[in-house]
Amino acid sequence: MEKVTVKYGNLTFPAEYSETRTGDSSVDKTLIIAKTEQSTALFSGALREIFNFEAERLGEDDYILSDEVPQHFIFTNK
């Protein structure tokens, strides 16, 4: 996992990012954002919603909130 900072609207979040190459030569991307008061207010209960984060490393992909675990929000590329 690579540490990155992502921006959503006017808010910034420290995050962890990884890429995994799949057999069909596509890339699965995962973004993990820690639960804080700010991130929880924004993302809690938004499973399956689409978000577009700004960060140089992420490119132009949209991300879906695919899981919410006790300490993190987990997003995967659409």
PDB file of N, CA and C in Angstrom:
ATOM      1  N   MET A   1       0.849  -1.178   0.000  1.00  0.00           N
ATOM      2  CA  MET A   1       0.000   0.000   0.000  1.00  0.00           C
ATOM      3  C   MET A   1       0.896   1.244   0.000  1.00  0.00           C
ATOM      4  N   GLU A   2       0.476   2.188  -0.788  1.00  0.00           N
ATOM      5  CA  GLU A   2       1.198   3.448  -0.924  1.00  0.00           C
ATOM      6  C   GLU A   2       0.395   4.549  -0.228  1.00  0.00           C
ATOM      7  N   LYS A   3       1.048   5.372   0.555  1.00  0.00           N
ATOM      8  CA  LYS A   3       0.359   6.466   1.238  1.00  0.00           C
ATOM      9  C   LYS A   3       0.169   7.621   0.261  1.00  0.00           C
ATOM     10  N   VAL A   4      -1.065   8.129   0.188  1.00  0.00           N
ATOM     11  CA  VAL A   4      -1.409   9.245  -0.686  1.00  0.00           C
ATOM     12  C   VAL A   4      -2.334  10.192   0.079  1.00  0.00           C
ATOM     13  N   THR A   5      -2.508  11.372  -0.452  1.00  0.00           N
ATOM     14  CA  THR A   5      -3.507  12.302   0.060  1.00  0.00           C
ATOM     15  C   THR A   5      -4.511  12.525  -1.054  1.00  0.00           C
ATOM     16  N   VAL A   6      -5.787  12.333  -0.741  1.00  0.00           N
ATOM     17  CA  VAL A   6      -6.826  12.511  -1.752  1.00  0.00           C
ATOM     18  C   VAL A   6      -7.708  13.688  -1.367  1.00  0.00           C
ATOM     19  N   LYS A   7      -8.280  14.291  -2.382  1.00  0.00           N
ATOM     20  CA  LYS A   7      -9.161  15.425  -2.164  1.00  0.00           C
ATOM     21  C   LYS A   7     -10.547  15.059  -2.675  1.00  0.00           C
ATOM     22  N   TYR A   8     -11.568  15.402  -1.899  1.00  0.00           N
ATOM     23  CA  TYR A   8     -12.955  15.225  -2.316  1.00  0.00           C
ATOM     24  C   TYR A   8     -13.663  16.525  -1.964  1.00  0.00           C
ATOM     25  N   GLY A   9     -14.052  17.273  -2.987  1.00  0.00           N
ATOM     26  CA  GLY A   9     -14.608  18.599  -2.740  1.00  0.00           C
ATOM     27  C   GLY A   9     -13.535  19.476  -2.123  1.00  0.00           C
ATOM     28  N   ASN A  10     -13.848  20.096  -1.003  1.00  0.00           N
ATOM     29  CA  ASN A  10     -12.879  20.952  -0.304  1.00  0.00           C
ATOM     30  C   ASN A  10     -12.143  20.208   0.801  1.00  0.00           C
ATOM     31  N   LEU A  11     -12.392  18.913   0.944  1.00  0.00           N
ATOM     32  CA  LEU A  11     -11.810  18.134   2.030  1.00  0.00           C
ATOM     33  C   LEU A  11     -10.653  17.284   1.533  1.00  0.00           C
ATOM     34  N   THR A  12      -9.645  17.107   2.372  1.00  0.00           N
ATOM     35  CA  THR A  12      -8.543  16.211   2.038  1.00  0.00           C
ATOM     36  C   THR A  12      -8.467  15.104   3.084  1.00  0.00           C
ATOM     37  N   PHE A  13      -8.051  13.933   2.612  1.00  0.00           N
ATOM     38  CA  PHE A  13      -7.962  12.768   3.487  1.00  0.00           C
ATOM     39  C   PHE A  13      -6.653  12.030   3.232  1.00  0.00           C
ATOM     40  N   PRO A  14      -5.946  11.643   4.289  1.00  0.00           N
ATOM     41  CA  PRO A  14      -4.826  10.727   4.086  1.00  0.00           C
ATOM     42  C   PRO A  14      -5.411   9.366   3.733  1.00  0.00           C
ATOM     43  N   ALA A  15      -4.768   8.662   2.830  1.00  0.00           N
ATOM     44  CA  ALA A  15      -5.313   7.380   2.382  1.00  0.00           C
ATOM     45  C   ALA A  15      -4.179   6.424   2.036  1.00  0.00           C
ATOM     46  N   GLU A  16      -4.551   5.185   1.807  1.00  0.00           N
ATOM     47  CA  GLU A  16      -3.622   4.177   1.307  1.00  0.00           C
ATOM     48  C   GLU A  16      -4.166   3.689  -0.021  1.00  0.00           C
ATOM     49  N   TYR A  17      -3.265   3.456  -0.968  1.00  0.00           N
ATOM     50  CA  TYR A  17      -3.653   3.143  -2.336  1.00  0.00           C
ATOM     51  C   TYR A  17      -2.846   1.954  -2.831  1.00  0.00           C
ATOM     52  N   SER A  18      -3.505   1.064  -3.574  1.00  0.00           N
ATOM     53  CA  SER A  18      -2.775  -0.047  -4.199  1.00  0.00           C
ATOM     54  C   SER A  18      -3.387  -0.376  -5.553  1.00  0.00           C
ATOM     55  N   GLU A  19      -2.555  -0.954  -6.393  1.00  0.00           N
ATOM     56  CA  GLU A  19      -2.978  -1.433  -7.711  1.00  0.00           C
ATOM     57  C   GLU A  19      -2.622  -2.902  -7.818  1.00  0.00           C
ATOM     58  N   THR A  20      -3.540  -3.692  -8.399  1.00  0.00           N
ATOM     59  CA  THR A  20      -3.297  -5.112  -8.626  1.00  0.00           C
ATOM     60  C   THR A  20      -3.626  -5.422 -10.071  1.00  0.00           C
ATOM     61  N   ARG A  21      -2.685  -5.966 -10.788  1.00  0.00           N
ATOM     62  CA  ARG A  21      -2.922  -6.367 -12.183  1.00  0.00           C
ATOM     63  C   ARG A  21      -3.691  -7.680 -12.185  1.00  0.00           C
ATOM     64  N   THR A  22      -4.711  -7.747 -13.034  1.00  0.00           N
ATOM     65  CA  THR A  22      -5.515  -8.968 -13.128  1.00  0.00           C
ATOM     66  C   THR A  22      -5.120  -9.734 -14.390  1.00  0.00           C
ATOM     67  N   GLY A  23      -5.606 -10.931 -14.513  1.00  0.00           N
ATOM     68  CA  GLY A  23      -5.262 -11.793 -15.632  1.00  0.00           C
ATOM     69  C   GLY A  23      -5.597 -11.219 -16.992  1.00  0.00           C
ATOM     70  N   ASP A  24      -6.619 -10.402 -17.077  1.00  0.00           N
ATOM     71  CA  ASP A  24      -7.020  -9.844 -18.376  1.00  0.00           C
ATOM     72  C   ASP A  24      -6.336  -8.500 -18.644  1.00  0.00           C
ATOM     73  N   SER A  25      -5.225  -8.258 -17.984  1.00  0.00           N
ATOM     74  CA  SER A  25      -4.375  -7.065 -18.119  1.00  0.00           C
ATOM     75  C   SER A  25      -5.054  -5.759 -17.694  1.00  0.00           C
ATOM     76  N   SER A  26      -6.152  -5.842 -16.990  1.00  0.00           N
ATOM     77  CA  SER A  26      -6.723  -4.631 -16.400  1.00  0.00           C
ATOM     78  C   SER A  26      -6.111  -4.449 -15.010  1.00  0.00           C
ATOM     79  N   VAL A  27      -6.433  -3.330 -14.387  1.00  0.00           N
ATOM     80  CA  VAL A  27      -5.863  -3.007 -13.084  1.00  0.00           C
ATOM     81  C   VAL A  27      -6.987  -2.764 -12.086  1.00  0.00           C
ATOM     82  N   ASP A  28      -6.963  -3.509 -10.991  1.00  0.00           N
ATOM     83  CA  ASP A  28      -7.891  -3.266  -9.889  1.00  0.00           C
ATOM     84  C   ASP A  28      -7.211  -2.293  -8.935  1.00  0.00           C
ATOM     85  N   LYS A  29      -7.895  -1.206  -8.621  1.00  0.00           N
ATOM     86  CA  LYS A  29      -7.340  -0.190  -7.736  1.00  0.00           C
ATOM     87  C   LYS A  29      -8.151  -0.136  -6.448  1.00  0.00           C
ATOM     88  N   THR A  30      -7.448  -0.019  -5.324  1.00  0.00           N
ATOM     89  CA  THR A  30      -8.087   0.041  -4.013  1.00  0.00           C
ATOM     90  C   THR A  30      -7.601   1.281  -3.281  1.00  0.00           C
ATOM     91  N   LEU A  31      -8.531   1.974  -2.659  1.00  0.00           N
ATOM     92  CA  LEU A  31      -8.238   3.168  -1.885  1.00  0.00           C
ATOM     93  C   LEU A  31      -8.861   2.974  -0.505  1.00  0.00           C
ATOM     94  N   ILE A  32      -8.061   3.145   0.534  1.00  0.00           N
ATOM     95  CA  ILE A  32      -8.542   2.968   1.907  1.00  0.00           C
ATOM     96  C   ILE A  32      -8.396   4.291   2.652  1.00  0.00           C
ATOM     97  N   ILE A  33      -9.499   4.754   3.220  1.00  0.00           N
ATOM     98  CA  ILE A  33      -9.511   5.995   3.995  1.00  0.00           C
ATOM     99  C   ILE A  33      -9.920   5.654   5.425  1.00  0.00           C
ATOM    100  N   ALA A  34      -9.108   6.110   6.377  1.00  0.00           N
ATOM    101  CA  ALA A  34      -9.403   5.853   7.788  1.00  0.00           C
ATOM    102  C   ALA A  34     -10.677   6.575   8.203  1.00  0.00           C
ATOM    103  N   LYS A  35     -11.387   5.969   9.136  1.00  0.00           N
ATOM    104  CA  LYS A  35     -12.583   6.608   9.680  1.00  0.00           C
ATOM    105  C   LYS A  35     -12.176   7.696  10.657  1.00  0.00           C
ATOM    106  N   THR A  36     -12.622   8.884  10.355  1.00  0.00           N
ATOM    107  CA  THR A  36     -12.468  10.039  11.248  1.00  0.00           C
ATOM    108  C   THR A  36     -13.852  10.659  11.356  1.00  0.00           C
ATOM    109  N   GLU A  37     -13.981  11.652  12.174  1.00  0.00           N
ATOM    110  CA  GLU A  37     -15.277  12.323  12.284  1.00  0.00           C
ATOM    111  C   GLU A  37     -15.692  12.878  10.919  1.00  0.00           C
ATOM    112  N   GLN A  38     -14.730  13.462  10.217  1.00  0.00           N
ATOM    113  CA  GLN A  38     -15.001  14.077   8.921  1.00  0.00           C
ATOM    114  C   GLN A  38     -15.344  13.027   7.850  1.00  0.00           C
ATOM    115  N   SER A  39     -14.545  11.961   7.743  1.00  0.00           N
ATOM    116  CA  SER A  39     -14.812  10.951   6.717  1.00  0.00           C
ATOM    117  C   SER A  39     -16.090  10.172   7.025  1.00  0.00           C
ATOM    118  N   THR A  40     -16.357   9.930   8.299  1.00  0.00           N
ATOM    119  CA  THR A  40     -17.573   9.212   8.670  1.00  0.00           C
ATOM    120  C   THR A  40     -18.813  10.028   8.314  1.00  0.00           C
ATOM    121  N   ALA A  41     -18.760  11.322   8.553  1.00  0.00           N
ATOM    122  CA  ALA A  41     -19.905  12.179   8.209  1.00  0.00           C
ATOM    123  C   ALA A  41     -20.180  12.153   6.709  1.00  0.00           C
ATOM    124  N   LEU A  42     -19.135  12.030   5.923  1.00  0.00           N
ATOM    125  CA  LEU A  42     -19.285  12.073   4.472  1.00  0.00           C
ATOM    126  C   LEU A  42     -19.627  10.721   3.851  1.00  0.00           C
ATOM    127  N   PHE A  43     -18.973   9.650   4.302  1.00  0.00           N
ATOM    128  CA  PHE A  43     -19.075   8.361   3.618  1.00  0.00           C
ATOM    129  C   PHE A  43     -19.950   7.305   4.313  1.00  0.00           C
ATOM    130  N   SER A  44     -20.223   7.460   5.591  1.00  0.00           N
ATOM    131  CA  SER A  44     -20.980   6.431   6.312  1.00  0.00           C
ATOM    132  C   SER A  44     -22.356   6.218   5.677  1.00  0.00           C
ATOM    133  N   GLY A  45     -22.692   4.968   5.420  1.00  0.00           N
ATOM    134  CA  GLY A  45     -23.983   4.634   4.835  1.00  0.00           C
ATOM    135  C   GLY A  45     -24.049   4.823   3.333  1.00  0.00           C
ATOM    136  N   ALA A  46     -22.920   5.101   2.692  1.00  0.00           N
ATOM    137  CA  ALA A  46     -22.909   5.375   1.245  1.00  0.00           C
ATOM    138  C   ALA A  46     -22.406   4.187   0.427  1.00  0.00           C
ATOM    139  N   LEU A  47     -22.597   2.978   0.938  1.00  0.00           N
ATOM    140  CA  LEU A  47     -22.141   1.794   0.198  1.00  0.00           C
ATOM    141  C   LEU A  47     -22.690   1.798  -1.218  1.00  0.00           C
ATOM    142  N   ARG A  48     -21.811   1.469  -2.146  1.00  0.00           N
ATOM    143  CA  ARG A  48     -22.129   1.372  -3.573  1.00  0.00           C
ATOM    144  C   ARG A  48     -22.292   2.713  -4.269  1.00  0.00           C
ATOM    145  N   GLU A  49     -22.118   3.808  -3.551  1.00  0.00           N
ATOM    146  CA  GLU A  49     -22.155   5.112  -4.208  1.00  0.00           C
ATOM    147  C   GLU A  49     -20.816   5.385  -4.878  1.00  0.00           C
ATOM    148  N   ILE A  50     -20.848   6.219  -5.892  1.00  0.00           N
ATOM    149  CA  ILE A  50     -19.658   6.511  -6.691  1.00  0.00           C
ATOM    150  C   ILE A  50     -19.062   7.851  -6.261  1.00  0.00           C
ATOM    151  N   PHE A  51     -17.742   7.864  -6.114  1.00  0.00           N
ATOM    152  CA  PHE A  51     -17.008   9.059  -5.723  1.00  0.00           C
ATOM    153  C   PHE A  51     -15.869   9.284  -6.699  1.00  0.00           C
ATOM    154  N   ASN A  52     -15.549  10.546  -6.941  1.00  0.00           N
ATOM    155  CA  ASN A  52     -14.426  10.889  -7.796  1.00  0.00           C
ATOM    156  C   ASN A  52     -13.459  11.717  -6.966  1.00  0.00           C
ATOM    157  N   PHE A  53     -12.363  11.087  -6.570  1.00  0.00           N
ATOM    158  CA  PHE A  53     -11.351  11.739  -5.746  1.00  0.00           C
ATOM    159  C   PHE A  53     -10.304  12.392  -6.635  1.00  0.00           C
ATOM    160  N   GLU A  54      -9.708  13.453  -6.132  1.00  0.00           N
ATOM    161  CA  GLU A  54      -8.617  14.104  -6.837  1.00  0.00           C
ATOM    162  C   GLU A  54      -7.307  13.743  -6.153  1.00  0.00           C
ATOM    163  N   ALA A  55      -6.408  13.172  -6.929  1.00  0.00           N
ATOM    164  CA  ALA A  55      -5.041  12.889  -6.489  1.00  0.00           C
ATOM    165  C   ALA A  55      -4.272  12.482  -7.735  1.00  0.00           C
ATOM    166  N   GLU A  56      -3.069  12.973  -7.850  1.00  0.00           N
ATOM    167  CA  GLU A  56      -2.284  12.694  -9.052  1.00  0.00           C
ATOM    168  C   GLU A  56      -2.164  11.200  -9.321  1.00  0.00           C
ATOM    169  N   ARG A  57      -1.963  10.427  -8.313  1.00  0.00           N
ATOM    170  CA  ARG A  57      -1.739   8.980  -8.455  1.00  0.00           C
ATOM    171  C   ARG A  57      -2.991   8.226  -8.917  1.00  0.00           C
ATOM    172  N   LEU A  58      -4.170   8.753  -8.656  1.00  0.00           N
ATOM    173  CA  LEU A  58      -5.406   8.016  -8.931  1.00  0.00           C
ATOM    174  C   LEU A  58      -5.889   8.122 -10.372  1.00  0.00           C
ATOM    175  N   GLY A  59      -5.448   9.100 -11.105  1.00  0.00           N
ATOM    176  CA  GLY A  59      -5.933   9.279 -12.465  1.00  0.00           C
ATOM    177  C   GLY A  59      -7.371   9.778 -12.465  1.00  0.00           C
ATOM    178  N   GLU A  60      -8.110   9.399 -13.498  1.00  0.00           N
ATOM    179  CA  GLU A  60      -9.478   9.892 -13.689  1.00  0.00           C
ATOM    180  C   GLU A  60     -10.555   8.891 -13.277  1.00  0.00           C
ATOM    181  N   ASP A  61     -10.182   7.808 -12.637  1.00  0.00           N
ATOM    182  CA  ASP A  61     -11.139   6.760 -12.291  1.00  0.00           C
ATOM    183  C   ASP A  61     -12.154   7.220 -11.250  1.00  0.00           C
ATOM    184  N   ASP A  62     -13.367   6.685 -11.369  1.00  0.00           N
ATOM    185  CA  ASP A  62     -14.367   6.817 -10.315  1.00  0.00           C
ATOM    186  C   ASP A  62     -14.166   5.658  -9.352  1.00  0.00           C
ATOM    187  N   TYR A  63     -14.509   5.874  -8.100  1.00  0.00           N
ATOM    188  CA  TYR A  63     -14.360   4.837  -7.081  1.00  0.00           C
ATOM    189  C   TYR A  63     -15.702   4.585  -6.408  1.00  0.00           C
ATOM    190  N   ILE A  64     -15.964   3.323  -6.132  1.00  0.00           N
ATOM    191  CA  ILE A  64     -17.194   2.906  -5.459  1.00  0.00           C
ATOM    192  C   ILE A  64     -16.849   2.551  -4.023  1.00  0.00           C
ATOM    193  N   LEU A  65     -17.647   3.031  -3.081  1.00  0.00           N
ATOM    194  CA  LEU A  65     -17.461   2.618  -1.696  1.00  0.00           C
ATOM    195  C   LEU A  65     -17.920   1.170  -1.603  1.00  0.00           C
ATOM    196  N   SER A  66     -16.956   0.262  -1.559  1.00  0.00           N
ATOM    197  CA  SER A  66     -17.290  -1.161  -1.628  1.00  0.00           C
ATOM    198  C   SER A  66     -17.420  -1.825  -0.264  1.00  0.00           C
ATOM    199  N   ASP A  67     -16.848  -1.210   0.779  1.00  0.00           N
ATOM    200  CA  ASP A  67     -16.950  -1.823   2.105  1.00  0.00           C
ATOM    201  C   ASP A  67     -16.692  -0.764   3.173  1.00  0.00           C
ATOM    202  N   GLU A  68     -17.345  -0.953   4.299  1.00  0.00           N
ATOM    203  CA  GLU A  68     -17.138  -0.105   5.465  1.00  0.00           C
ATOM    204  C   GLU A  68     -16.854  -1.033   6.625  1.00  0.00           C
ATOM    205  N   VAL A  69     -15.627  -0.979   7.146  1.00  0.00           N
ATOM    206  CA  VAL A  69     -15.213  -1.827   8.258  1.00  0.00           C
ATOM    207  C   VAL A  69     -15.001  -0.928   9.472  1.00  0.00           C
ATOM    208  N   PRO A  70     -14.799  -1.509  10.660  1.00  0.00           N
ATOM    209  CA  PRO A  70     -14.757  -0.672  11.861  1.00  0.00           C
ATOM    210  C   PRO A  70     -13.822   0.537  11.808  1.00  0.00           C
ATOM    211  N   GLN A  71     -12.667   0.444  11.143  1.00  0.00           N
ATOM    212  CA  GLN A  71     -11.728   1.560  11.185  1.00  0.00           C
ATOM    213  C   GLN A  71     -11.486   2.240   9.837  1.00  0.00           C
ATOM    214  N   HIS A  72     -12.069   1.700   8.740  1.00  0.00           N
ATOM    215  CA  HIS A  72     -11.770   2.227   7.413  1.00  0.00           C
ATOM    216  C   HIS A  72     -12.973   2.191   6.470  1.00  0.00           C
ATOM    217  N   PHE A  73     -12.869   3.030   5.439  1.00  0.00           N
ATOM    218  CA  PHE A  73     -13.751   2.955   4.281  1.00  0.00           C
ATOM    219  C   PHE A  73     -12.896   2.418   3.134  1.00  0.00           C
ATOM    220  N   ILE A  74     -13.408   1.438   2.403  1.00  0.00           N
ATOM    221  CA  ILE A  74     -12.644   0.812   1.321  1.00  0.00           C
ATOM    222  C   ILE A  74     -13.350   1.100   0.004  1.00  0.00           C
ATOM    223  N   PHE A  75     -12.619   1.720  -0.911  1.00  0.00           N
ATOM    224  CA  PHE A  75     -13.130   2.099  -2.220  1.00  0.00           C
ATOM    225  C   PHE A  75     -12.387   1.293  -3.295  1.00  0.00           C
ATOM    226  N   THR A  76     -13.109   0.899  -4.331  1.00  0.00           N
ATOM    227  CA  THR A  76     -12.476   0.219  -5.468  1.00  0.00           C
ATOM    228  C   THR A  76     -12.847   0.956  -6.740  1.00  0.00           C
ATOM    229  N   ASN A  77     -11.971   0.847  -7.755  1.00  0.00           N
ATOM    230  CA  ASN A  77     -12.267   1.550  -9.000  1.00  0.00           C
ATOM    231  C   ASN A  77     -13.444   0.906  -9.706  1.00  0.00           C
ATOM    232  N   LYS A  78     -14.218   1.707 -10.378  1.00  0.00           N
ATOM    233  CA  LYS A  78     -15.463   1.300 -11.031  1.00  0.00           C
ATOM    234  C   LYS A  78     -15.183   0.431 -12.237  1.00  0.00           C
TER     235      LYS A  78
END
